[in-house]
Amino acid sequence: MKEIKRTEIKIGAKVRIVLKKDQKTNRLTEGLVKEILTKSPTHPHGIKVRLADGQVGRIKELLES
């Protein structure tokens, strides 16, 4: 899976993230980016974001920007 850079993520983008509780199963949650939490340009486990519904996780798929 291609590493997603922080610069590729826009507020309001539709993404799939893995929540902390789902890391073992890799179950993905879909939502819209409200806030980008990771400060570095990249992260080996994915950029951490907060979704519009308040859930926090690491981006695994960028659906649209």
PDB file of N, CA and C in Angstrom:
ATOM      1  N   MET A   1       0.847  -1.196   0.000  1.00  0.00           N
ATOM      2  CA  MET A   1       0.000   0.000   0.000  1.00  0.00           C
ATOM      3  C   MET A   1       0.887   1.253   0.000  1.00  0.00           C
ATOM      4  N   LYS A   2       0.535   2.181  -0.860  1.00  0.00           N
ATOM      5  CA  LYS A   2       1.319   3.407  -1.005  1.00  0.00           C
ATOM      6  C   LYS A   2       1.214   4.277   0.253  1.00  0.00           C
ATOM      7  N   GLU A   3       2.363   4.826   0.653  1.00  0.00           N
ATOM      8  CA  GLU A   3       2.382   5.726   1.808  1.00  0.00           C
ATOM      9  C   GLU A   3       1.734   7.057   1.427  1.00  0.00           C
ATOM     10  N   ILE A   4       0.802   7.513   2.261  1.00  0.00           N
ATOM     11  CA  ILE A   4       0.103   8.773   2.008  1.00  0.00           C
ATOM     12  C   ILE A   4       0.838   9.897   2.733  1.00  0.00           C
ATOM     13  N   LYS A   5       1.160  10.949   1.993  1.00  0.00           N
ATOM     14  CA  LYS A   5       1.869  12.094   2.573  1.00  0.00           C
ATOM     15  C   LYS A   5       0.871  13.089   3.161  1.00  0.00           C
ATOM     16  N   ARG A   6       1.314  13.832   4.149  1.00  0.00           N
ATOM     17  CA  ARG A   6       0.462  14.832   4.819  1.00  0.00           C
ATOM     18  C   ARG A   6      -0.054  15.867   3.810  1.00  0.00           C
ATOM     19  N   THR A   7       0.784  16.224   2.832  1.00  0.00           N
ATOM     20  CA  THR A   7       0.408  17.247   1.847  1.00  0.00           C
ATOM     21  C   THR A   7      -0.727  16.782   0.924  1.00  0.00           C
ATOM     22  N   GLU A   8      -0.944  15.462   0.833  1.00  0.00           N
ATOM     23  CA  GLU A   8      -2.007  14.915  -0.026  1.00  0.00           C
ATOM     24  C   GLU A   8      -3.380  15.005   0.640  1.00  0.00           C
ATOM     25  N   ILE A   9      -3.412  15.244   1.945  1.00  0.00           N
ATOM     26  CA  ILE A   9      -4.658  15.216   2.713  1.00  0.00           C
ATOM     27  C   ILE A   9      -5.227  16.624   2.839  1.00  0.00           C
ATOM     28  N   LYS A  10      -6.483  16.763   2.504  1.00  0.00           N
ATOM     29  CA  LYS A  10      -7.160  18.053   2.622  1.00  0.00           C
ATOM     30  C   LYS A  10      -8.293  17.921   3.641  1.00  0.00           C
ATOM     31  N   ILE A  11      -8.574  19.018   4.363  1.00  0.00           N
ATOM     32  CA  ILE A  11      -9.713  19.045   5.269  1.00  0.00           C
ATOM     33  C   ILE A  11     -10.979  18.826   4.433  1.00  0.00           C
ATOM     34  N   GLY A  12     -11.830  17.922   4.866  1.00  0.00           N
ATOM     35  CA  GLY A  12     -13.053  17.614   4.125  1.00  0.00           C
ATOM     36  C   GLY A  12     -12.902  16.444   3.164  1.00  0.00           C
ATOM     37  N   ALA A  13     -11.670  15.918   3.018  1.00  0.00           N
ATOM     38  CA  ALA A  13     -11.441  14.783   2.118  1.00  0.00           C
ATOM     39  C   ALA A  13     -12.105  13.530   2.686  1.00  0.00           C
ATOM     40  N   LYS A  14     -12.607  12.689   1.797  1.00  0.00           N
ATOM     41  CA  LYS A  14     -13.205  11.413   2.202  1.00  0.00           C
ATOM     42  C   LYS A  14     -12.073  10.384   2.294  1.00  0.00           C
ATOM     43  N   VAL A  15     -11.965   9.727   3.442  1.00  0.00           N
ATOM     44  CA  VAL A  15     -10.868   8.785   3.685  1.00  0.00           C
ATOM     45  C   VAL A  15     -11.373   7.530   4.391  1.00  0.00           C
ATOM     46  N   ARG A  16     -10.516   6.517   4.404  1.00  0.00           N
ATOM     47  CA  ARG A  16     -10.736   5.328   5.237  1.00  0.00           C
ATOM     48  C   ARG A  16      -9.590   5.280   6.229  1.00  0.00           C
ATOM     49  N   ILE A  17      -9.958   5.169   7.521  1.00  0.00           N
ATOM     50  CA  ILE A  17      -8.943   5.118   8.575  1.00  0.00           C
ATOM     51  C   ILE A  17      -9.067   3.816   9.359  1.00  0.00           C
ATOM     52  N   VAL A  18      -8.004   3.473  10.067  1.00  0.00           N
ATOM     53  CA  VAL A  18      -8.065   2.360  11.010  1.00  0.00           C
ATOM     54  C   VAL A  18      -8.033   2.981  12.404  1.00  0.00           C
ATOM     55  N   LEU A  19      -9.055   2.659  13.209  1.00  0.00           N
ATOM     56  CA  LEU A  19      -9.134   3.152  14.581  1.00  0.00           C
ATOM     57  C   LEU A  19      -8.187   2.342  15.454  1.00  0.00           C
ATOM     58  N   LYS A  20      -7.774   2.904  16.588  1.00  0.00           N
ATOM     59  CA  LYS A  20      -6.869   2.218  17.523  1.00  0.00           C
ATOM     60  C   LYS A  20      -7.414   0.829  17.888  1.00  0.00           C
ATOM     61  N   LYS A  21      -8.706   0.772  18.195  1.00  0.00           N
ATOM     62  CA  LYS A  21      -9.319  -0.498  18.616  1.00  0.00           C
ATOM     63  C   LYS A  21      -9.395  -1.526  17.484  1.00  0.00           C
ATOM     64  N   ASP A  22      -9.272  -1.069  16.237  1.00  0.00           N
ATOM     65  CA  ASP A  22      -9.369  -1.960  15.071  1.00  0.00           C
ATOM     66  C   ASP A  22      -8.014  -2.309  14.458  1.00  0.00           C
ATOM     67  N   GLN A  23      -6.911  -1.899  15.100  1.00  0.00           N
ATOM     68  CA  GLN A  23      -5.591  -2.118  14.510  1.00  0.00           C
ATOM     69  C   GLN A  23      -5.265  -3.599  14.316  1.00  0.00           C
ATOM     70  N   LYS A  24      -5.734  -4.459  15.213  1.00  0.00           N
ATOM     71  CA  LYS A  24      -5.449  -5.892  15.083  1.00  0.00           C
ATOM     72  C   LYS A  24      -6.219  -6.525  13.921  1.00  0.00           C
ATOM     73  N   THR A  25      -7.453  -6.060  13.705  1.00  0.00           N
ATOM     74  CA  THR A  25      -8.294  -6.618  12.641  1.00  0.00           C
ATOM     75  C   THR A  25      -8.150  -5.848  11.334  1.00  0.00           C
ATOM     76  N   ASN A  26      -7.607  -4.634  11.413  1.00  0.00           N
ATOM     77  CA  ASN A  26      -7.429  -3.749  10.252  1.00  0.00           C
ATOM     78  C   ASN A  26      -8.775  -3.343   9.633  1.00  0.00           C
ATOM     79  N   ARG A  27      -9.841  -3.333  10.437  1.00  0.00           N
ATOM     80  CA  ARG A  27     -11.169  -2.901   9.982  1.00  0.00           C
ATOM     81  C   ARG A  27     -11.114  -1.398   9.719  1.00  0.00           C
ATOM     82  N   LEU A  28     -11.617  -0.990   8.557  1.00  0.00           N
ATOM     83  CA  LEU A  28     -11.541   0.416   8.167  1.00  0.00           C
ATOM     84  C   LEU A  28     -12.852   1.149   8.453  1.00  0.00           C
ATOM     85  N   THR A  29     -12.726   2.423   8.802  1.00  0.00           N
ATOM     86  CA  THR A  29     -13.859   3.299   9.068  1.00  0.00           C
ATOM     87  C   THR A  29     -13.781   4.447   8.072  1.00  0.00           C
ATOM     88  N   GLU A  30     -14.903   4.741   7.422  1.00  0.00           N
ATOM     89  CA  GLU A  30     -14.939   5.794   6.400  1.00  0.00           C
ATOM     90  C   GLU A  30     -15.471   7.093   6.998  1.00  0.00           C
ATOM     91  N   GLY A  31     -14.916   8.207   6.562  1.00  0.00           N
ATOM     92  CA  GLY A  31     -15.405   9.490   7.038  1.00  0.00           C
ATOM     93  C   GLY A  31     -14.710  10.657   6.355  1.00  0.00           C
ATOM     94  N   LEU A  32     -15.051  11.853   6.816  1.00  0.00           N
ATOM     95  CA  LEU A  32     -14.473  13.080   6.268  1.00  0.00           C
ATOM     96  C   LEU A  32     -13.478  13.678   7.255  1.00  0.00           C
ATOM     97  N   VAL A  33     -12.328  14.119   6.747  1.00  0.00           N
ATOM     98  CA  VAL A  33     -11.270  14.678   7.585  1.00  0.00           C
ATOM     99  C   VAL A  33     -11.701  16.029   8.153  1.00  0.00           C
ATOM    100  N   LYS A  34     -11.635  16.137   9.483  1.00  0.00           N
ATOM    101  CA  LYS A  34     -11.924  17.409  10.151  1.00  0.00           C
ATOM    102  C   LYS A  34     -10.619  18.096  10.549  1.00  0.00           C
ATOM    103  N   GLU A  35      -9.629  17.278  10.953  1.00  0.00           N
ATOM    104  CA  GLU A  35      -8.371  17.829  11.480  1.00  0.00           C
ATOM    105  C   GLU A  35      -7.245  16.827  11.231  1.00  0.00           C
ATOM    106  N   ILE A  36      -6.070  17.331  10.839  1.00  0.00           N
ATOM    107  CA  ILE A  36      -4.889  16.484  10.659  1.00  0.00           C
ATOM    108  C   ILE A  36      -4.070  16.573  11.943  1.00  0.00           C
ATOM    109  N   LEU A  37      -3.853  15.435  12.593  1.00  0.00           N
ATOM    110  CA  LEU A  37      -3.187  15.421  13.897  1.00  0.00           C
ATOM    111  C   LEU A  37      -1.685  15.175  13.815  1.00  0.00           C
ATOM    112  N   THR A  38      -1.228  14.440  12.803  1.00  0.00           N
ATOM    113  CA  THR A  38       0.205  14.175  12.637  1.00  0.00           C
ATOM    114  C   THR A  38       0.890  15.424  12.089  1.00  0.00           C
ATOM    115  N   LYS A  39       1.973  15.829  12.730  1.00  0.00           N
ATOM    116  CA  LYS A  39       2.703  17.037  12.303  1.00  0.00           C
ATOM    117  C   LYS A  39       3.765  16.737  11.245  1.00  0.00           C
ATOM    118  N   SER A  40       4.334  15.533  11.263  1.00  0.00           N
ATOM    119  CA  SER A  40       5.403  15.199  10.312  1.00  0.00           C
ATOM    120  C   SER A  40       4.824  14.961   8.910  1.00  0.00           C
ATOM    121  N   PRO A  41       5.651  15.124   7.860  1.00  0.00           N
ATOM    122  CA  PRO A  41       5.167  14.987   6.482  1.00  0.00           C
ATOM    123  C   PRO A  41       4.662  13.576   6.145  1.00  0.00           C
ATOM    124  N   THR A  42       5.253  12.544   6.788  1.00  0.00           N
ATOM    125  CA  THR A  42       4.823  11.157   6.569  1.00  0.00           C
ATOM    126  C   THR A  42       4.867  10.419   7.900  1.00  0.00           C
ATOM    127  N   HIS A  43       4.244   9.239   7.934  1.00  0.00           N
ATOM    128  CA  HIS A  43       4.313   8.395   9.128  1.00  0.00           C
ATOM    129  C   HIS A  43       4.226   6.947   8.660  1.00  0.00           C
ATOM    130  N   PRO A  44       5.065   6.060   9.203  1.00  0.00           N
ATOM    131  CA  PRO A  44       5.077   4.668   8.727  1.00  0.00           C
ATOM    132  C   PRO A  44       3.737   3.938   8.899  1.00  0.00           C
ATOM    133  N   HIS A  45       2.925   4.336   9.867  1.00  0.00           N
ATOM    134  CA  HIS A  45       1.633   3.661  10.102  1.00  0.00           C
ATOM    135  C   HIS A  45       0.459   4.467   9.556  1.00  0.00           C
ATOM    136  N   GLY A  46       0.735   5.596   8.920  1.00  0.00           N
ATOM    137  CA  GLY A  46      -0.322   6.432   8.354  1.00  0.00           C
ATOM    138  C   GLY A  46      -0.471   7.728   9.136  1.00  0.00           C
ATOM    139  N   ILE A  47      -0.916   8.769   8.446  1.00  0.00           N
ATOM    140  CA  ILE A  47      -1.134  10.079   9.072  1.00  0.00           C
ATOM    141  C   ILE A  47      -2.369   9.990   9.958  1.00  0.00           C
ATOM    142  N   LYS A  48      -2.249  10.474  11.184  1.00  0.00           N
ATOM    143  CA  LYS A  48      -3.376  10.431  12.115  1.00  0.00           C
ATOM    144  C   LYS A  48      -4.273  11.642  11.900  1.00  0.00           C
ATOM    145  N   VAL A  49      -5.591  11.366  11.810  1.00  0.00           N
ATOM    146  CA  VAL A  49      -6.567  12.429  11.589  1.00  0.00           C
ATOM    147  C   VAL A  49      -7.768  12.250  12.520  1.00  0.00           C
ATOM    148  N   ARG A  50      -8.520  13.356  12.690  1.00  0.00           N
ATOM    149  CA  ARG A  50      -9.804  13.311  13.380  1.00  0.00           C
ATOM    150  C   ARG A  50     -10.872  13.480  12.309  1.00  0.00           C
ATOM    151  N   LEU A  51     -11.861  12.592  12.320  1.00  0.00           N
ATOM    152  CA  LEU A  51     -12.957  12.683  11.361  1.00  0.00           C
ATOM    153  C   LEU A  51     -14.012  13.671  11.847  1.00  0.00           C
ATOM    154  N   ALA A  52     -14.915  14.044  10.958  1.00  0.00           N
ATOM    155  CA  ALA A  52     -15.985  14.991  11.277  1.00  0.00           C
ATOM    156  C   ALA A  52     -16.841  14.492  12.448  1.00  0.00           C
ATOM    157  N   ASP A  53     -16.966  13.163  12.600  1.00  0.00           N
ATOM    158  CA  ASP A  53     -17.772  12.600  13.698  1.00  0.00           C
ATOM    159  C   ASP A  53     -16.981  12.436  14.992  1.00  0.00           C
ATOM    160  N   GLY A  54     -15.696  12.882  14.991  1.00  0.00           N
ATOM    161  CA  GLY A  54     -14.887  12.865  16.214  1.00  0.00           C
ATOM    162  C   GLY A  54     -13.981  11.661  16.373  1.00  0.00           C
ATOM    163  N   GLN A  55     -14.129  10.646  15.529  1.00  0.00           N
ATOM    164  CA  GLN A  55     -13.278   9.457  15.635  1.00  0.00           C
ATOM    165  C   GLN A  55     -11.859   9.797  15.166  1.00  0.00           C
ATOM    166  N   VAL A  56     -10.864   9.166  15.814  1.00  0.00           N
ATOM    167  CA  VAL A  56      -9.461   9.413  15.493  1.00  0.00           C
ATOM    168  C   VAL A  56      -8.810   8.112  15.033  1.00  0.00           C
ATOM    169  N   GLY A  57      -8.059   8.200  13.936  1.00  0.00           N
ATOM    170  CA  GLY A  57      -7.347   7.026  13.448  1.00  0.00           C
ATOM    171  C   GLY A  57      -6.324   7.414  12.401  1.00  0.00           C
ATOM    172  N   ARG A  58      -5.663   6.380  11.863  1.00  0.00           N
ATOM    173  CA  ARG A  58      -4.620   6.614  10.863  1.00  0.00           C
ATOM    174  C   ARG A  58      -5.156   6.286   9.469  1.00  0.00           C
ATOM    175  N   ILE A  59      -4.868   7.176   8.522  1.00  0.00           N
ATOM    176  CA  ILE A  59      -5.377   7.017   7.155  1.00  0.00           C
ATOM    177  C   ILE A  59      -4.732   5.808   6.477  1.00  0.00           C
ATOM    178  N   LYS A  60      -5.579   4.962   5.908  1.00  0.00           N
ATOM    179  CA  LYS A  60      -5.125   3.823   5.117  1.00  0.00           C
ATOM    180  C   LYS A  60      -5.453   4.015   3.643  1.00  0.00           C
ATOM    181  N   GLU A  61      -6.556   4.744   3.355  1.00  0.00           N
ATOM    182  CA  GLU A  61      -6.958   4.996   1.970  1.00  0.00           C
ATOM    183  C   GLU A  61      -7.474   6.413   1.833  1.00  0.00           C
ATOM    184  N   LEU A  62      -7.067   7.058   0.760  1.00  0.00           N
ATOM    185  CA  LEU A  62      -7.549   8.398   0.421  1.00  0.00           C
ATOM    186  C   LEU A  62      -8.560   8.193  -0.707  1.00  0.00           C
ATOM    187  N   LEU A  63      -9.844   8.450  -0.437  1.00  0.00           N
ATOM    188  CA  LEU A  63     -10.879   8.195  -1.435  1.00  0.00           C
ATOM    189  C   LEU A  63     -11.068   9.370  -2.380  1.00  0.00           C
ATOM    190  N   GLU A  64     -10.983  10.598  -1.851  1.00  0.00           N
ATOM    191  CA  GLU A  64     -11.052  11.799  -2.688  1.00  0.00           C
ATOM    192  C   GLU A  64     -10.452  12.958  -1.915  1.00  0.00           C
ATOM    193  N   SER A  65      -9.942  13.949  -2.637  1.00  0.00           N
ATOM    194  CA  SER A  65      -9.345  15.087  -1.924  1.00  0.00           C
ATOM    195  C   SER A  65     -10.083  16.363  -2.247  1.00  0.00           C
TER     196      SER A  65
END
